[in-house]
C-alpha atoms as a PDB file:
ATOM      1  CA  UNK A   1     153.970 105.535 141.636  1.00  0.00           C
ATOM      2  CA  UNK A   2     150.353 106.127 140.819  1.00  0.00           C
ATOM      3  CA  UNK A   3     147.455 104.391 142.507  1.00  0.00           C
ATOM      4  CA  UNK A   4     145.115 104.201 139.529  1.00  0.00           C
ATOM      5  CA  UNK A   5     144.997 102.734 136.051  1.00  0.00           C
ATOM      6  CA  UNK A   6     144.621 104.909 132.949  1.00  0.00           C
ATOM      7  CA  UNK A   7     141.803 103.731 130.690  1.00  0.00           C
ATOM      8  CA  UNK A   8     141.782 105.002 127.103  1.00  0.00           C
ATOM      9  CA  UNK A   9     138.754 104.641 124.821  1.00  0.00           C
ATOM     10  CA  UNK A  10     138.889 104.984 121.044  1.00  0.00           C
ATOM     11  CA  UNK A  11     136.215 104.754 118.366  1.00  0.00           C
ATOM     12  CA  UNK A  12     136.976 102.386 115.492  1.00  0.00           C
ATOM     13  CA  UNK A  13     136.111 103.013 111.851  1.00  0.00           C
ATOM     14  CA  UNK A  14     133.154 100.652 112.235  1.00  0.00           C
ATOM     15  CA  UNK A  15     131.823 102.682 115.171  1.00  0.00           C
ATOM     16  CA  UNK A  16     132.674 100.244 117.960  1.00  0.00           C
ATOM     17  CA  UNK A  17     134.602 101.450 120.974  1.00  0.00           C
ATOM     18  CA  UNK A  18     137.838  99.829 122.121  1.00  0.00           C
ATOM     19  CA  UNK A  19     139.232 100.457 125.577  1.00  0.00           C
ATOM     20  CA  UNK A  20     142.660  99.636 126.920  1.00  0.00           C
ATOM     21  CA  UNK A  21     144.729 100.188 130.049  1.00  0.00           C
ATOM     22  CA  UNK A  22     147.856 102.220 129.259  1.00  0.00           C
ATOM     23  CA  UNK A  23     149.940 100.642 132.005  1.00  0.00           C
ATOM     24  CA  UNK A  24     149.072  97.008 131.215  1.00  0.00           C
ATOM     25  CA  UNK A  25     149.700  95.840 127.662  1.00  0.00           C
ATOM     26  CA  UNK A  26     147.079  93.305 126.684  1.00  0.00           C
ATOM     27  CA  UNK A  27     144.342  94.675 128.955  1.00  0.00           C
ATOM     28  CA  UNK A  28     141.748  95.514 126.302  1.00  0.00           C
ATOM     29  CA  UNK A  29     138.010  95.272 125.709  1.00  0.00           C
ATOM     30  CA  UNK A  30     135.414  96.492 123.271  1.00  0.00           C
ATOM     31  CA  UNK A  31     131.743  97.320 123.133  1.00  0.00           C
ATOM     32  CA  UNK A  32     129.008  99.106 121.229  1.00  0.00           C
ATOM     33  CA  UNK A  33     128.786 101.958 123.760  1.00  0.00           C
ATOM     34  CA  UNK A  34     131.203 103.708 126.065  1.00  0.00           C
ATOM     35  CA  UNK A  35     129.419 102.308 129.139  1.00  0.00           C
ATOM     36  CA  UNK A  36     129.525  98.744 127.773  1.00  0.00           C
ATOM     37  CA  UNK A  37     133.208  99.088 126.903  1.00  0.00           C
ATOM     38  CA  UNK A  38     134.007 100.501 130.339  1.00  0.00           C
ATOM     39  CA  UNK A  39     132.229  97.577 132.032  1.00  0.00           C
ATOM     40  CA  UNK A  40     133.978  95.064 129.773  1.00  0.00           C
ATOM     41  CA  UNK A  41     137.367  96.694 130.386  1.00  0.00           C
ATOM     42  CA  UNK A  42     136.934  96.565 134.165  1.00  0.00           C
ATOM     43  CA  UNK A  43     136.047  92.859 133.900  1.00  0.00           C
ATOM     44  CA  UNK A  44     139.044  92.223 131.624  1.00  0.00           C
ATOM     45  CA  UNK A  45     141.360  94.003 134.071  1.00  0.00           C
ATOM     46  CA  UNK A  46     140.046  91.976 137.010  1.00  0.00           C
ATOM     47  CA  UNK A  47     140.427  88.711 135.077  1.00  0.00           C
ATOM     48  CA  UNK A  48     143.949  89.617 133.982  1.00  0.00           C
ATOM     49  CA  UNK A  49     145.056  90.479 137.521  1.00  0.00           C
ATOM     50  CA  UNK A  50     143.524  87.262 138.936  1.00  0.00           C
ATOM     51  CA  UNK A  51     145.236  85.177 136.242  1.00  0.00           C
ATOM     52  CA  UNK A  52     148.586  86.887 136.806  1.00  0.00           C
ATOM     53  CA  UNK A  53     148.308  86.384 140.567  1.00  0.00           C
ATOM     54  CA  UNK A  54     147.494  82.692 140.104  1.00  0.00           C
ATOM     55  CA  UNK A  55     150.390  82.208 137.665  1.00  0.00           C
ATOM     56  CA  UNK A  56     152.833  83.989 139.956  1.00  0.00           C
ATOM     57  CA  UNK A  57     151.787  81.912 142.966  1.00  0.00           C
ATOM     58  CA  UNK A  58     152.300  78.756 140.904  1.00  0.00           C
ATOM     59  CA  UNK A  59     155.763  79.935 139.838  1.00  0.00           C
ATOM     60  CA  UNK A  60     156.795  80.663 143.422  1.00  0.00           C
ATOM     61  CA  UNK A  61     154.758  78.079 145.364  1.00  0.00           C
ATOM     62  CA  UNK A  62     157.864  76.444 146.807  1.00  0.00           C
ATOM     63  CA  UNK A  63     159.523  79.756 147.749  1.00  0.00           C
ATOM     64  CA  UNK A  64     159.723  80.962 151.332  1.00  0.00           C
ATOM     65  CA  UNK A  65     157.711  84.196 151.459  1.00  0.00           C
ATOM     66  CA  UNK A  66     159.377  86.779 153.703  1.00  0.00           C
ATOM     67  CA  UNK A  67     156.908  89.602 153.086  1.00  0.00           C
ATOM     68  CA  UNK A  68     153.658  90.226 151.261  1.00  0.00           C
ATOM     69  CA  UNK A  69     152.064  93.678 151.061  1.00  0.00           C
ATOM     70  CA  UNK A  70     149.666  95.743 149.005  1.00  0.00           C
ATOM     71  CA  UNK A  71     151.402  98.611 147.235  1.00  0.00           C
ATOM     72  CA  UNK A  72     149.548 101.822 146.503  1.00  0.00           C
ATOM     73  CA  UNK A  73     150.916 105.127 145.254  1.00  0.00           C
END
């Protein structure tokens, strides 16, 4: 297991830059510059992880948690 995300940046025909996270479908952002796209992608990733965590806790709010840990590679 790896402990980092892989960000990929591509230039569109119109000259904008789109960034996405290879390991997380749907984690995407765009910008006019590489720096702007990188910043936007980091924000999108953080928002996506917060939303997923919130949704998961709602789905399992009545479950009895036996263990919770942070996994890193």
